Amino acid sequence: MKKLFFVLALLCIANSANAQWFFNKERLANLENFDKKRFSWGYFLGFNSYDFKIDYKDQYADTNTDILVERSAGFNVGLIGDMRINEYFNLRLEPGLYFTQRNLTFPGFEEPKDYLREVKSTYIHVPLLLKVSTKRLNNIKPFIIGGVSTSLNLSSNQDNPEDNEQGKFRMTKSTNYYELGFGIDFYLYYFKFTPSIRGVFAMNDELVRDDDPNSPWTGNIEKLSTRGIFVNFTFQ
């Protein structure tokens, strides 16, 4: 996934270098002075797809160690605070609320109450991002964006005394990430509209292990960390 986003980001830069060839016809410029403001505000709506990256202590302990992760589409909503550094660089704060669910299927069990864990998460997600844009081409401006973020998982179960023996899958409350993505600013008549796609990758282990160190659910997990894709639509 990391390589995919790196390649897509390079393609975005390469395409923007030749974009003037496609958009060389002079057009009426919308919101001509929008990017000259020091600070601007907005909001975003979007979708997410969260996954888990799982590292095992012993990958080949037996023939069936892998935990299956089933993803589902989630929903994002939040606010944007943007500070202009210069014509090409902006610093952004994008606090938001993210709803998602992942289903984990553990090997070695026969009953759904044992092998299935529905991991529903509600995140307060706060990224600090650097936006690097090309020169504006008529009413569009491609960009790449990246930075770091932190989140608070309101559904973590971290402090729950029950564990997987009682059907409770537990995760840490807070997680730190790095992010990378790209998008395009469209300058419309009344506002700026921006679709973007971004990959997020957790830097820390999020698993709260069962009390039993030999737990069939968590005993073989070395590290469990979130990764995901955000597709956001921004209005400023």
C-alpha atoms as a PDB file:
ATOM      1  CA  MET A   1       0.000   0.000   0.000  1.00  0.00           C
ATOM      2  CA  LYS A   2       2.892   2.364   0.794  1.00  0.00           C
ATOM      3  CA  LYS A   3       4.443   1.759  -2.641  1.00  0.00           C
ATOM      4  CA  LEU A   4       1.094   2.368  -4.321  1.00  0.00           C
ATOM      5  CA  PHE A   5       0.673   5.786  -2.740  1.00  0.00           C
ATOM      6  CA  PHE A   6       4.278   6.710  -3.511  1.00  0.00           C
ATOM      7  CA  VAL A   7       3.777   5.850  -7.186  1.00  0.00           C
ATOM      8  CA  LEU A   8       0.456   7.710  -7.339  1.00  0.00           C
ATOM      9  CA  ALA A   9       2.028  10.776  -5.759  1.00  0.00           C
ATOM     10  CA  LEU A  10       4.833  10.768  -8.344  1.00  0.00           C
ATOM     11  CA  LEU A  11       2.284  10.433 -11.135  1.00  0.00           C
ATOM     12  CA  CYS A  12       0.380  13.396  -9.726  1.00  0.00           C
ATOM     13  CA  ILE A  13       3.530  15.539  -9.840  1.00  0.00           C
ATOM     14  CA  ALA A  14       4.445  14.377 -13.336  1.00  0.00           C
ATOM     15  CA  ASN A  15       0.973  15.018 -14.663  1.00  0.00           C
ATOM     16  CA  SER A  16       0.797  18.474 -13.130  1.00  0.00           C
ATOM     17  CA  ALA A  17       4.039  19.413 -14.911  1.00  0.00           C
ATOM     18  CA  ASN A  18       2.335  18.759 -18.237  1.00  0.00           C
ATOM     19  CA  ALA A  19      -1.110  19.950 -17.235  1.00  0.00           C
ATOM     20  CA  GLN A  20      -0.574  23.394 -18.746  1.00  0.00           C
ATOM     21  CA  TRP A  21      -0.585  21.722 -22.150  1.00  0.00           C
ATOM     22  CA  PHE A  22      -4.137  20.542 -21.497  1.00  0.00           C
ATOM     23  CA  PHE A  23      -5.324  23.725 -19.797  1.00  0.00           C
ATOM     24  CA  ASN A  24      -3.496  26.384 -21.763  1.00  0.00           C
ATOM     25  CA  LYS A  25      -6.664  28.106 -22.925  1.00  0.00           C
ATOM     26  CA  GLU A  26      -7.344  31.209 -20.835  1.00  0.00           C
ATOM     27  CA  ARG A  27     -10.508  30.938 -18.787  1.00  0.00           C
ATOM     28  CA  LEU A  28     -12.356  33.130 -16.366  1.00  0.00           C
ATOM     29  CA  ALA A  29     -10.643  32.629 -13.002  1.00  0.00           C
ATOM     30  CA  ASN A  30     -12.920  31.883 -10.041  1.00  0.00           C
ATOM     31  CA  LEU A  31     -11.989  33.015  -6.531  1.00  0.00           C
ATOM     32  CA  GLU A  32      -8.862  34.784  -7.752  1.00  0.00           C
ATOM     33  CA  ASN A  33      -7.818  35.999  -4.293  1.00  0.00           C
ATOM     34  CA  PHE A  34      -8.788  32.908  -2.295  1.00  0.00           C
ATOM     35  CA  ASP A  35      -5.247  31.570  -1.889  1.00  0.00           C
ATOM     36  CA  LYS A  36      -3.873  34.946  -0.858  1.00  0.00           C
ATOM     37  CA  LYS A  37      -5.567  34.766   2.524  1.00  0.00           C
ATOM     38  CA  ARG A  38      -3.313  33.864   5.443  1.00  0.00           C
ATOM     39  CA  PHE A  39      -5.949  31.620   7.060  1.00  0.00           C
ATOM     40  CA  SER A  40      -8.959  29.811   5.633  1.00  0.00           C
ATOM     41  CA  TRP A  41     -11.536  27.400   7.025  1.00  0.00           C
ATOM     42  CA  GLY A  42     -13.801  24.658   5.793  1.00  0.00           C
ATOM     43  CA  TYR A  43     -15.202  21.214   6.409  1.00  0.00           C
ATOM     44  CA  PHE A  44     -14.998  17.771   4.864  1.00  0.00           C
ATOM     45  CA  LEU A  45     -17.148  14.706   4.320  1.00  0.00           C
ATOM     46  CA  GLY A  46     -15.834  11.380   3.157  1.00  0.00           C
ATOM     47  CA  PHE A  47     -15.384   7.645   3.360  1.00  0.00           C
ATOM     48  CA  ASN A  48     -12.791   5.362   4.881  1.00  0.00           C
ATOM     49  CA  SER A  49     -11.630   1.774   4.638  1.00  0.00           C
ATOM     50  CA  TYR A  50      -9.644   0.610   7.670  1.00  0.00           C
ATOM     51  CA  ASP A  51      -7.507  -2.521   7.824  1.00  0.00           C
ATOM     52  CA  PHE A  52      -5.067  -4.146  10.253  1.00  0.00           C
ATOM     53  CA  LYS A  53      -1.437  -5.036   9.616  1.00  0.00           C
ATOM     54  CA  ILE A  54      -0.652  -8.029  11.839  1.00  0.00           C
ATOM     55  CA  ASP A  55       2.860  -9.291  12.648  1.00  0.00           C
ATOM     56  CA  TYR A  56       3.120 -12.698  14.298  1.00  0.00           C
ATOM     57  CA  LYS A  57       5.624 -14.002  16.837  1.00  0.00           C
ATOM     58  CA  ASP A  58       5.774 -17.308  14.991  1.00  0.00           C
ATOM     59  CA  GLN A  59       4.326 -17.076  11.497  1.00  0.00           C
ATOM     60  CA  TYR A  60       4.755 -20.793  10.914  1.00  0.00           C
ATOM     61  CA  ALA A  61       3.808 -22.171  14.331  1.00  0.00           C
ATOM     62  CA  ASP A  62       1.303 -24.385  12.483  1.00  0.00           C
ATOM     63  CA  THR A  63      -0.411 -24.462   9.112  1.00  0.00           C
ATOM     64  CA  ASN A  64      -3.152 -22.015  10.086  1.00  0.00           C
ATOM     65  CA  THR A  65      -1.945 -18.963  12.002  1.00  0.00           C
ATOM     66  CA  ASP A  66      -3.288 -16.078   9.930  1.00  0.00           C
ATOM     67  CA  ILE A  67      -6.080 -13.933  11.311  1.00  0.00           C
ATOM     68  CA  LEU A  68      -8.462 -12.859   8.564  1.00  0.00           C
ATOM     69  CA  VAL A  69      -9.444  -9.186   8.468  1.00  0.00           C
ATOM     70  CA  GLU A  70     -12.690  -8.180   6.769  1.00  0.00           C
ATOM     71  CA  ARG A  71     -12.960  -4.474   5.985  1.00  0.00           C
ATOM     72  CA  SER A  72     -16.067  -2.363   5.482  1.00  0.00           C
ATOM     73  CA  ALA A  73     -16.667   1.200   4.310  1.00  0.00           C
ATOM     74  CA  GLY A  74     -16.922   3.854   7.017  1.00  0.00           C
ATOM     75  CA  PHE A  75     -17.836   7.514   7.191  1.00  0.00           C
ATOM     76  CA  ASN A  76     -15.793  10.666   7.978  1.00  0.00           C
ATOM     77  CA  VAL A  77     -16.803  14.202   8.898  1.00  0.00           C
ATOM     78  CA  GLY A  78     -14.676  17.060  10.207  1.00  0.00           C
ATOM     79  CA  LEU A  79     -13.324  20.591  10.044  1.00  0.00           C
ATOM     80  CA  ILE A  80     -10.336  22.176   8.315  1.00  0.00           C
ATOM     81  CA  GLY A  81      -8.018  24.942   9.390  1.00  0.00           C
ATOM     82  CA  ASP A  82      -5.527  26.026   6.706  1.00  0.00           C
ATOM     83  CA  MET A  83      -2.537  28.364   7.093  1.00  0.00           C
ATOM     84  CA  ARG A  84      -0.847  29.682   3.955  1.00  0.00           C
ATOM     85  CA  ILE A  85       2.956  29.612   4.101  1.00  0.00           C
ATOM     86  CA  ASN A  86       3.557  30.716   0.519  1.00  0.00           C
ATOM     87  CA  GLU A  87       2.182  30.082  -2.963  1.00  0.00           C
ATOM     88  CA  TYR A  88       3.075  26.402  -2.869  1.00  0.00           C
ATOM     89  CA  PHE A  89       2.990  25.357   0.799  1.00  0.00           C
ATOM     90  CA  ASN A  90       0.120  25.234   3.291  1.00  0.00           C
ATOM     91  CA  LEU A  91      -0.061  23.862   6.811  1.00  0.00           C
ATOM     92  CA  ARG A  92      -3.359  22.142   7.646  1.00  0.00           C
ATOM     93  CA  LEU A  93      -5.153  20.882  10.734  1.00  0.00           C
ATOM     94  CA  GLU A  94      -8.048  18.510   9.996  1.00  0.00           C
ATOM     95  CA  PRO A  95      -9.786  17.269  13.177  1.00  0.00           C
ATOM     96  CA  GLY A  96     -12.552  14.814  12.368  1.00  0.00           C
ATOM     97  CA  LEU A  97     -14.794  12.010  13.530  1.00  0.00           C
ATOM     98  CA  TYR A  98     -14.291   8.645  11.795  1.00  0.00           C
ATOM     99  CA  PHE A  99     -16.646   5.659  12.065  1.00  0.00           C
ATOM    100  CA  THR A 100     -15.533   2.216  10.909  1.00  0.00           C
ATOM    101  CA  GLN A 101     -15.790  -1.533  11.516  1.00  0.00           C
ATOM    102  CA  ARG A 102     -13.408  -4.434  10.953  1.00  0.00           C
ATOM    103  CA  ASN A 103     -14.283  -8.092  11.500  1.00  0.00           C
ATOM    104  CA  LEU A 104     -11.546 -10.442  12.682  1.00  0.00           C
ATOM    105  CA  THR A 105     -11.745 -14.198  12.135  1.00  0.00           C
ATOM    106  CA  PHE A 106      -9.396 -16.205  14.355  1.00  0.00           C
ATOM    107  CA  PRO A 107      -8.206 -19.693  13.302  1.00  0.00           C
ATOM    108  CA  GLY A 108      -8.692 -22.810  15.371  1.00  0.00           C
ATOM    109  CA  PHE A 109     -12.265 -22.266  16.538  1.00  0.00           C
ATOM    110  CA  GLU A 110     -15.594 -23.694  15.416  1.00  0.00           C
ATOM    111  CA  GLU A 111     -18.138 -21.467  17.154  1.00  0.00           C
ATOM    112  CA  PRO A 112     -18.766 -17.899  15.874  1.00  0.00           C
ATOM    113  CA  LYS A 113     -18.690 -16.584  19.453  1.00  0.00           C
ATOM    114  CA  ASP A 114     -15.072 -17.753  19.616  1.00  0.00           C
ATOM    115  CA  TYR A 115     -13.653 -17.113  16.143  1.00  0.00           C
ATOM    116  CA  LEU A 116     -15.446 -13.853  15.240  1.00  0.00           C
ATOM    117  CA  ARG A 117     -14.679 -10.438  16.738  1.00  0.00           C
ATOM    118  CA  GLU A 118     -16.519  -7.382  15.417  1.00  0.00           C
ATOM    119  CA  VAL A 119     -14.187  -4.433  15.995  1.00  0.00           C
ATOM    120  CA  LYS A 120     -16.326  -1.303  15.814  1.00  0.00           C
ATOM    121  CA  SER A 121     -14.326   1.895  16.178  1.00  0.00           C
ATOM    122  CA  THR A 122     -15.174   5.567  16.547  1.00  0.00           C
ATOM    123  CA  TYR A 123     -12.060   7.699  16.181  1.00  0.00           C
ATOM    124  CA  ILE A 124     -11.409  11.339  16.963  1.00  0.00           C
ATOM    125  CA  HIS A 125      -8.668  11.789  14.382  1.00  0.00           C
ATOM    126  CA  VAL A 126      -6.410  14.881  14.357  1.00  0.00           C
ATOM    127  CA  PRO A 127      -3.781  15.178  11.577  1.00  0.00           C
ATOM    128  CA  LEU A 128      -1.231  17.957  11.085  1.00  0.00           C
ATOM    129  CA  LEU A 129      -0.417  18.028   7.368  1.00  0.00           C
ATOM    130  CA  LEU A 130       1.839  19.831   4.925  1.00  0.00           C
ATOM    131  CA  LYS A 131       0.153  20.490   1.589  1.00  0.00           C
ATOM    132  CA  VAL A 132       2.497  20.983  -1.390  1.00  0.00           C
ATOM    133  CA  SER A 133       0.718  22.406  -4.446  1.00  0.00           C
ATOM    134  CA  THR A 134       1.628  23.094  -8.047  1.00  0.00           C
ATOM    135  CA  LYS A 135       1.037  26.459  -9.654  1.00  0.00           C
ATOM    136  CA  ARG A 136      -2.657  27.143 -10.210  1.00  0.00           C
ATOM    137  CA  LEU A 137      -3.793  26.165 -13.719  1.00  0.00           C
ATOM    138  CA  ASN A 138      -6.901  28.178 -14.547  1.00  0.00           C
ATOM    139  CA  ASN A 139      -9.369  26.843 -11.945  1.00  0.00           C
ATOM    140  CA  ILE A 140      -7.533  23.747 -10.733  1.00  0.00           C
ATOM    141  CA  LYS A 141      -4.484  23.102  -8.555  1.00  0.00           C
ATOM    142  CA  PRO A 142      -3.116  19.564  -7.988  1.00  0.00           C
ATOM    143  CA  PHE A 143      -1.242  18.845  -4.762  1.00  0.00           C
ATOM    144  CA  ILE A 144       0.351  16.173  -2.619  1.00  0.00           C
ATOM    145  CA  ILE A 145      -0.125  16.106   1.140  1.00  0.00           C
ATOM    146  CA  GLY A 146       1.512  14.339   4.049  1.00  0.00           C
ATOM    147  CA  GLY A 147       2.165  14.548   7.748  1.00  0.00           C
ATOM    148  CA  VAL A 148       1.539  12.976  11.120  1.00  0.00           C
ATOM    149  CA  SER A 149      -1.621  12.419  13.122  1.00  0.00           C
ATOM    150  CA  THR A 150      -3.018  11.055  16.339  1.00  0.00           C
ATOM    151  CA  SER A 151      -6.371   9.524  17.177  1.00  0.00           C
ATOM    152  CA  LEU A 152      -8.487   8.684  20.205  1.00  0.00           C
ATOM    153  CA  ASN A 153     -10.466   5.454  19.865  1.00  0.00           C
ATOM    154  CA  LEU A 154     -13.716   5.941  21.789  1.00  0.00           C
ATOM    155  CA  SER A 155     -14.553   2.225  21.378  1.00  0.00           C
ATOM    156  CA  SER A 156     -11.178   0.769  22.355  1.00  0.00           C
ATOM    157  CA  ASN A 157     -12.234  -1.345  25.401  1.00  0.00           C
ATOM    158  CA  GLN A 158      -8.747  -0.705  26.787  1.00  0.00           C
ATOM    159  CA  ASP A 159      -9.963  -0.415  30.387  1.00  0.00           C
ATOM    160  CA  ASN A 160     -12.452  -3.274  30.145  1.00  0.00           C
ATOM    161  CA  PRO A 161     -11.453  -6.019  32.637  1.00  0.00           C
ATOM    162  CA  GLU A 162     -12.939  -8.657  30.322  1.00  0.00           C
ATOM    163  CA  ASP A 163     -10.900  -9.997  27.416  1.00  0.00           C
ATOM    164  CA  ASN A 164     -11.414 -12.433  24.540  1.00  0.00           C
ATOM    165  CA  GLU A 165     -12.338 -15.213  26.953  1.00  0.00           C
ATOM    166  CA  GLN A 166     -15.499 -13.193  27.535  1.00  0.00           C
ATOM    167  CA  GLY A 167     -15.781 -12.097  23.887  1.00  0.00           C
ATOM    168  CA  LYS A 168     -14.159  -8.652  24.283  1.00  0.00           C
ATOM    169  CA  PHE A 169     -11.445  -7.581  21.825  1.00  0.00           C
ATOM    170  CA  ARG A 170      -9.380  -4.729  23.287  1.00  0.00           C
ATOM    171  CA  MET A 171      -7.292  -2.007  21.663  1.00  0.00           C
ATOM    172  CA  THR A 172      -5.339   0.974  22.946  1.00  0.00           C
ATOM    173  CA  LYS A 173      -7.159   4.287  23.262  1.00  0.00           C
ATOM    174  CA  SER A 174      -4.600   6.378  21.386  1.00  0.00           C
ATOM    175  CA  THR A 175      -2.652   5.759  18.194  1.00  0.00           C
ATOM    176  CA  ASN A 176      -0.101   7.761  16.189  1.00  0.00           C
ATOM    177  CA  TYR A 177       0.131   7.639  12.382  1.00  0.00           C
ATOM    178  CA  TYR A 178       1.911   9.018   9.364  1.00  0.00           C
ATOM    179  CA  GLU A 179      -0.119   9.945   6.283  1.00  0.00           C
ATOM    180  CA  LEU A 180       0.460  10.501   2.572  1.00  0.00           C
ATOM    181  CA  GLY A 181      -1.934  11.399  -0.220  1.00  0.00           C
ATOM    182  CA  PHE A 182      -2.834  13.657  -3.110  1.00  0.00           C
ATOM    183  CA  GLY A 183      -5.774  15.610  -4.494  1.00  0.00           C
ATOM    184  CA  ILE A 184      -6.942  18.471  -6.695  1.00  0.00           C
ATOM    185  CA  ASP A 185      -8.373  21.864  -5.723  1.00  0.00           C
ATOM    186  CA  PHE A 186     -11.252  22.970  -7.965  1.00  0.00           C
ATOM    187  CA  TYR A 187     -12.056  26.687  -7.793  1.00  0.00           C
ATOM    188  CA  LEU A 188     -15.794  27.004  -8.332  1.00  0.00           C
ATOM    189  CA  TYR A 189     -17.833  30.166  -8.521  1.00  0.00           C
ATOM    190  CA  TYR A 190     -18.729  30.354  -4.821  1.00  0.00           C
ATOM    191  CA  PHE A 191     -16.311  28.001  -3.056  1.00  0.00           C
ATOM    192  CA  LYS A 192     -13.291  25.730  -3.443  1.00  0.00           C
ATOM    193  CA  PHE A 193     -14.051  22.013  -3.768  1.00  0.00           C
ATOM    194  CA  THR A 194     -11.321  19.449  -3.162  1.00  0.00           C
ATOM    195  CA  PRO A 195     -11.475  15.668  -3.613  1.00  0.00           C
ATOM    196  CA  SER A 196      -8.486  13.851  -2.140  1.00  0.00           C
ATOM    197  CA  ILE A 197      -7.275  10.366  -1.248  1.00  0.00           C
ATOM    198  CA  ARG A 198      -4.895   9.607   1.598  1.00  0.00           C
ATOM    199  CA  GLY A 199      -3.236   6.566   3.112  1.00  0.00           C
ATOM    200  CA  VAL A 200      -2.781   6.322   6.892  1.00  0.00           C
ATOM    201  CA  PHE A 201      -0.340   3.990   8.663  1.00  0.00           C
ATOM    202  CA  ALA A 202      -0.163   3.448  12.437  1.00  0.00           C
ATOM    203  CA  MET A 203       3.282   3.611  14.026  1.00  0.00           C
ATOM    204  CA  ASN A 204       2.535   1.836  17.307  1.00  0.00           C
ATOM    205  CA  ASP A 205       1.124  -1.487  18.477  1.00  0.00           C
ATOM    206  CA  GLU A 206      -2.598  -1.097  19.236  1.00  0.00           C
ATOM    207  CA  LEU A 207      -3.354  -4.503  20.730  1.00  0.00           C
ATOM    208  CA  VAL A 208      -4.264  -4.909  24.410  1.00  0.00           C
ATOM    209  CA  ARG A 209      -3.414  -8.540  25.060  1.00  0.00           C
ATOM    210  CA  ASP A 210      -5.472 -11.054  26.980  1.00  0.00           C
ATOM    211  CA  ASP A 211      -4.566 -11.842  30.591  1.00  0.00           C
ATOM    212  CA  ASP A 212      -3.445 -15.310  29.545  1.00  0.00           C
ATOM    213  CA  PRO A 213      -0.031 -14.957  27.809  1.00  0.00           C
ATOM    214  CA  ASN A 214      -0.818 -18.112  25.817  1.00  0.00           C
ATOM    215  CA  SER A 215      -4.219 -16.839  24.692  1.00  0.00           C
ATOM    216  CA  PRO A 216      -5.309 -18.429  21.376  1.00  0.00           C
ATOM    217  CA  TRP A 217      -6.508 -14.975  20.299  1.00  0.00           C
ATOM    218  CA  THR A 218      -3.577 -12.694  21.159  1.00  0.00           C
ATOM    219  CA  GLY A 219      -0.722 -14.980  22.263  1.00  0.00           C
ATOM    220  CA  ASN A 220       0.903 -15.197  18.815  1.00  0.00           C
ATOM    221  CA  ILE A 221       0.495 -11.527  17.838  1.00  0.00           C
ATOM    222  CA  GLU A 222       3.720  -9.525  17.875  1.00  0.00           C
ATOM    223  CA  LYS A 223       2.154  -6.293  16.639  1.00  0.00           C
ATOM    224  CA  LEU A 224      -1.266  -5.179  15.444  1.00  0.00           C
ATOM    225  CA  SER A 225      -1.488  -1.769  13.784  1.00  0.00           C
ATOM    226  CA  THR A 226      -4.083   0.120  11.772  1.00  0.00           C
ATOM    227  CA  ARG A 227      -3.712   1.095   8.150  1.00  0.00           C
ATOM    228  CA  GLY A 228      -6.382   2.577   5.946  1.00  0.00           C
ATOM    229  CA  ILE A 229      -7.507   4.756   3.082  1.00  0.00           C
ATOM    230  CA  PHE A 230      -9.428   8.038   3.418  1.00  0.00           C
ATOM    231  CA  VAL A 231     -11.383   9.585   0.547  1.00  0.00           C
ATOM    232  CA  ASN A 232     -12.449  13.095   1.552  1.00  0.00           C
ATOM    233  CA  PHE A 233     -14.432  15.850  -0.159  1.00  0.00           C
ATOM    234  CA  THR A 234     -13.517  19.276   1.174  1.00  0.00           C
ATOM    235  CA  PHE A 235     -15.502  22.513   0.962  1.00  0.00           C
ATOM    236  CA  GLN A 236     -13.840  25.854   1.701  1.00  0.00           C
END
